[in-house]
C-alpha atoms as a PDB file:
ATOM      1  CA  UNK A   1     118.992 180.096 139.297  1.00  0.00           C
ATOM      2  CA  UNK A   2     116.894 177.349 140.827  1.00  0.00           C
ATOM      3  CA  UNK A   3     115.957 174.472 138.503  1.00  0.00           C
ATOM      4  CA  UNK A   4     113.024 172.255 139.452  1.00  0.00           C
ATOM      5  CA  UNK A   5     112.782 169.029 137.401  1.00  0.00           C
ATOM      6  CA  UNK A   6     109.469 167.144 137.401  1.00  0.00           C
ATOM      7  CA  UNK A   7     108.459 163.992 135.564  1.00  0.00           C
ATOM      8  CA  UNK A   8     105.066 162.708 134.461  1.00  0.00           C
ATOM      9  CA  UNK A   9     104.849 159.095 133.291  1.00  0.00           C
ATOM     10  CA  UNK A  10     108.640 159.171 133.356  1.00  0.00           C
ATOM     11  CA  UNK A  11     111.100 158.426 136.182  1.00  0.00           C
ATOM     12  CA  UNK A  12     113.668 161.192 136.771  1.00  0.00           C
ATOM     13  CA  UNK A  13     117.070 159.597 137.280  1.00  0.00           C
ATOM     14  CA  UNK A  14     120.128 161.380 138.645  1.00  0.00           C
ATOM     15  CA  UNK A  15     121.737 161.137 135.202  1.00  0.00           C
ATOM     16  CA  UNK A  16     118.730 162.828 133.565  1.00  0.00           C
ATOM     17  CA  UNK A  17     118.658 165.546 136.250  1.00  0.00           C
ATOM     18  CA  UNK A  18     122.394 166.191 135.687  1.00  0.00           C
ATOM     19  CA  UNK A  19     121.802 166.396 131.916  1.00  0.00           C
ATOM     20  CA  UNK A  20     119.062 169.001 132.426  1.00  0.00           C
ATOM     21  CA  UNK A  21     121.258 171.103 134.723  1.00  0.00           C
ATOM     22  CA  UNK A  22     124.202 170.878 132.295  1.00  0.00           C
ATOM     23  CA  UNK A  23     122.063 171.977 129.332  1.00  0.00           C
ATOM     24  CA  UNK A  24     120.592 174.979 131.145  1.00  0.00           C
ATOM     25  CA  UNK A  25     123.925 176.185 132.556  1.00  0.00           C
ATOM     26  CA  UNK A  26     124.281 178.688 129.666  1.00  0.00           C
ATOM     27  CA  UNK A  27     120.856 180.166 130.447  1.00  0.00           C
ATOM     28  CA  UNK A  28     121.666 180.215 134.150  1.00  0.00           C
ATOM     29  CA  UNK A  29     124.698 182.421 133.514  1.00  0.00           C
ATOM     30  CA  UNK A  30     122.568 185.009 131.686  1.00  0.00           C
ATOM     31  CA  UNK A  31     119.746 185.449 134.192  1.00  0.00           C
ATOM     32  CA  UNK A  32     119.469 186.538 137.809  1.00  0.00           C
ATOM     33  CA  UNK A  33     120.291 184.193 140.654  1.00  0.00           C
ATOM     34  CA  UNK A  34     116.693 184.724 141.831  1.00  0.00           C
ATOM     35  CA  UNK A  35     115.221 183.274 138.613  1.00  0.00           C
ATOM     36  CA  UNK A  36     113.075 180.149 138.844  1.00  0.00           C
ATOM     37  CA  UNK A  37     112.997 177.454 136.159  1.00  0.00           C
ATOM     38  CA  UNK A  38     110.534 174.579 136.003  1.00  0.00           C
ATOM     39  CA  UNK A  39     111.356 171.687 133.667  1.00  0.00           C
ATOM     40  CA  UNK A  40     108.498 169.247 133.098  1.00  0.00           C
ATOM     41  CA  UNK A  41     109.526 166.025 131.389  1.00  0.00           C
ATOM     42  CA  UNK A  42     106.726 163.774 130.262  1.00  0.00           C
ATOM     43  CA  UNK A  43     106.023 160.717 128.208  1.00  0.00           C
ATOM     44  CA  UNK A  44     102.885 160.764 126.065  1.00  0.00           C
ATOM     45  CA  UNK A  45     101.129 157.410 126.407  1.00  0.00           C
ATOM     46  CA  UNK A  46      99.149 157.731 123.172  1.00  0.00           C
ATOM     47  CA  UNK A  47     100.699 155.243 120.685  1.00  0.00           C
ATOM     48  CA  UNK A  48      99.742 157.433 117.694  1.00  0.00           C
ATOM     49  CA  UNK A  49     102.057 160.227 118.862  1.00  0.00           C
ATOM     50  CA  UNK A  50     105.484 159.471 117.387  1.00  0.00           C
ATOM     51  CA  UNK A  51     107.340 162.178 119.304  1.00  0.00           C
ATOM     52  CA  UNK A  52     106.233 160.940 122.689  1.00  0.00           C
ATOM     53  CA  UNK A  53     109.012 162.405 124.863  1.00  0.00           C
ATOM     54  CA  UNK A  54     108.201 166.041 125.723  1.00  0.00           C
ATOM     55  CA  UNK A  55     110.174 168.692 127.606  1.00  0.00           C
ATOM     56  CA  UNK A  56     108.321 171.824 128.771  1.00  0.00           C
ATOM     57  CA  UNK A  57     110.355 174.644 130.274  1.00  0.00           C
ATOM     58  CA  UNK A  58     108.999 177.652 132.170  1.00  0.00           C
ATOM     59  CA  UNK A  59     111.430 180.365 133.237  1.00  0.00           C
ATOM     60  CA  UNK A  60     110.132 182.917 135.740  1.00  0.00           C
ATOM     61  CA  UNK A  61     112.114 186.162 135.621  1.00  0.00           C
ATOM     62  CA  UNK A  62     111.376 189.492 137.241  1.00  0.00           C
ATOM     63  CA  UNK A  63     108.378 190.829 135.323  1.00  0.00           C
ATOM     64  CA  UNK A  64     108.299 188.203 132.571  1.00  0.00           C
ATOM     65  CA  UNK A  65     107.729 184.470 132.110  1.00  0.00           C
ATOM     66  CA  UNK A  66     109.393 182.638 129.218  1.00  0.00           C
ATOM     67  CA  UNK A  67     108.168 179.251 127.994  1.00  0.00           C
ATOM     68  CA  UNK A  68     109.540 176.618 125.629  1.00  0.00           C
ATOM     69  CA  UNK A  69     108.263 173.203 124.619  1.00  0.00           C
ATOM     70  CA  UNK A  70     109.965 170.519 122.546  1.00  0.00           C
ATOM     71  CA  UNK A  71     109.002 166.963 121.613  1.00  0.00           C
ATOM     72  CA  UNK A  72     111.017 164.185 120.035  1.00  0.00           C
ATOM     73  CA  UNK A  73     111.444 160.429 120.159  1.00  0.00           C
ATOM     74  CA  UNK A  74     114.117 160.656 122.942  1.00  0.00           C
ATOM     75  CA  UNK A  75     113.959 162.680 126.166  1.00  0.00           C
ATOM     76  CA  UNK A  76     117.575 163.892 126.032  1.00  0.00           C
ATOM     77  CA  UNK A  77     116.987 165.304 122.565  1.00  0.00           C
ATOM     78  CA  UNK A  78     113.806 167.045 123.749  1.00  0.00           C
ATOM     79  CA  UNK A  79     115.739 168.667 126.600  1.00  0.00           C
ATOM     80  CA  UNK A  80     118.419 169.847 124.145  1.00  0.00           C
ATOM     81  CA  UNK A  81     115.815 171.407 121.832  1.00  0.00           C
ATOM     82  CA  UNK A  82     114.007 173.133 124.701  1.00  0.00           C
ATOM     83  CA  UNK A  83     117.312 174.481 126.052  1.00  0.00           C
ATOM     84  CA  UNK A  84     118.171 176.002 122.665  1.00  0.00           C
ATOM     85  CA  UNK A  85     114.703 177.548 122.371  1.00  0.00           C
ATOM     86  CA  UNK A  86     114.756 179.109 125.854  1.00  0.00           C
ATOM     87  CA  UNK A  87     118.330 180.392 125.300  1.00  0.00           C
ATOM     88  CA  UNK A  88     117.142 182.295 122.218  1.00  0.00           C
ATOM     89  CA  UNK A  89     114.236 183.774 124.177  1.00  0.00           C
ATOM     90  CA  UNK A  90     116.525 184.853 127.046  1.00  0.00           C
ATOM     91  CA  UNK A  91     118.932 186.484 124.592  1.00  0.00           C
ATOM     92  CA  UNK A  92     116.069 188.362 122.903  1.00  0.00           C
ATOM     93  CA  UNK A  93     114.698 189.468 126.292  1.00  0.00           C
ATOM     94  CA  UNK A  94     118.116 190.745 127.406  1.00  0.00           C
ATOM     95  CA  UNK A  95     118.528 192.694 124.136  1.00  0.00           C
ATOM     96  CA  UNK A  96     115.098 194.292 124.588  1.00  0.00           C
ATOM     97  CA  UNK A  97     115.941 195.362 128.117  1.00  0.00           C
ATOM     98  CA  UNK A  98     119.309 196.762 127.008  1.00  0.00           C
ATOM     99  CA  UNK A  99     117.719 198.789 124.185  1.00  0.00           C
ATOM    100  CA  UNK A 100     115.037 200.142 126.507  1.00  0.00           C
ATOM    101  CA  UNK A 101     117.673 201.175 129.043  1.00  0.00           C
ATOM    102  CA  UNK A 102     119.727 202.941 126.334  1.00  0.00           C
ATOM    103  CA  UNK A 103     116.627 204.698 124.984  1.00  0.00           C
ATOM    104  CA  UNK A 104     115.737 205.892 128.465  1.00  0.00           C
ATOM    105  CA  UNK A 105     119.246 207.339 128.890  1.00  0.00           C
ATOM    106  CA  UNK A 106     118.862 209.210 125.598  1.00  0.00           C
ATOM    107  CA  UNK A 107     115.676 210.932 126.720  1.00  0.00           C
ATOM    108  CA  UNK A 108     114.832 214.351 125.197  1.00  0.00           C
ATOM    109  CA  UNK A 109     115.807 216.112 128.420  1.00  0.00           C
ATOM    110  CA  UNK A 110     119.443 215.008 128.089  1.00  0.00           C
ATOM    111  CA  UNK A 111     119.803 216.020 124.414  1.00  0.00           C
ATOM    112  CA  UNK A 112     121.084 219.370 123.266  1.00  0.00           C
ATOM    113  CA  UNK A 113     118.409 221.805 122.009  1.00  0.00           C
ATOM    114  CA  UNK A 114     117.354 221.046 118.430  1.00  0.00           C
ATOM    115  CA  UNK A 115     118.735 217.466 118.364  1.00  0.00           C
ATOM    116  CA  UNK A 116     116.656 214.363 117.764  1.00  0.00           C
ATOM    117  CA  UNK A 117     117.359 211.082 119.624  1.00  0.00           C
ATOM    118  CA  UNK A 118     119.086 209.536 116.536  1.00  0.00           C
ATOM    119  CA  UNK A 119     121.542 212.413 116.075  1.00  0.00           C
ATOM    120  CA  UNK A 120     124.954 212.726 117.629  1.00  0.00           C
ATOM    121  CA  UNK A 121     126.869 215.908 118.452  1.00  0.00           C
ATOM    122  CA  UNK A 122     129.293 215.547 115.507  1.00  0.00           C
ATOM    123  CA  UNK A 123     128.632 217.287 112.218  1.00  0.00           C
ATOM    124  CA  UNK A 124     128.480 215.189 109.010  1.00  0.00           C
ATOM    125  CA  UNK A 125     131.710 215.160 106.967  1.00  0.00           C
END
């Protein structure tokens, strides 16, 4: 997976880039190598906004785009929150795909005559 880190009103240091890559390693293991992730790190300049450090993540997968946004008082914490949020979305997306694939395999054409998709071949005891 390719990770592109961008900063607005915030310098991106090597340490911060390494932190981002380390936090998204779990997500990287669950998606295709062709996936594209954009991480936008920004500092809100409005003094009335208390959670001024924002991390916005966009993950482009085949056929779907997942997004997460997190804000806090510290940029590392915002990255951690966004990583957790996108990991949950990736897990949910993978489960959906797995269930669809299983449902497609259990199509009415492959079932025995008179069976419904929820039934198995065994008789109840």
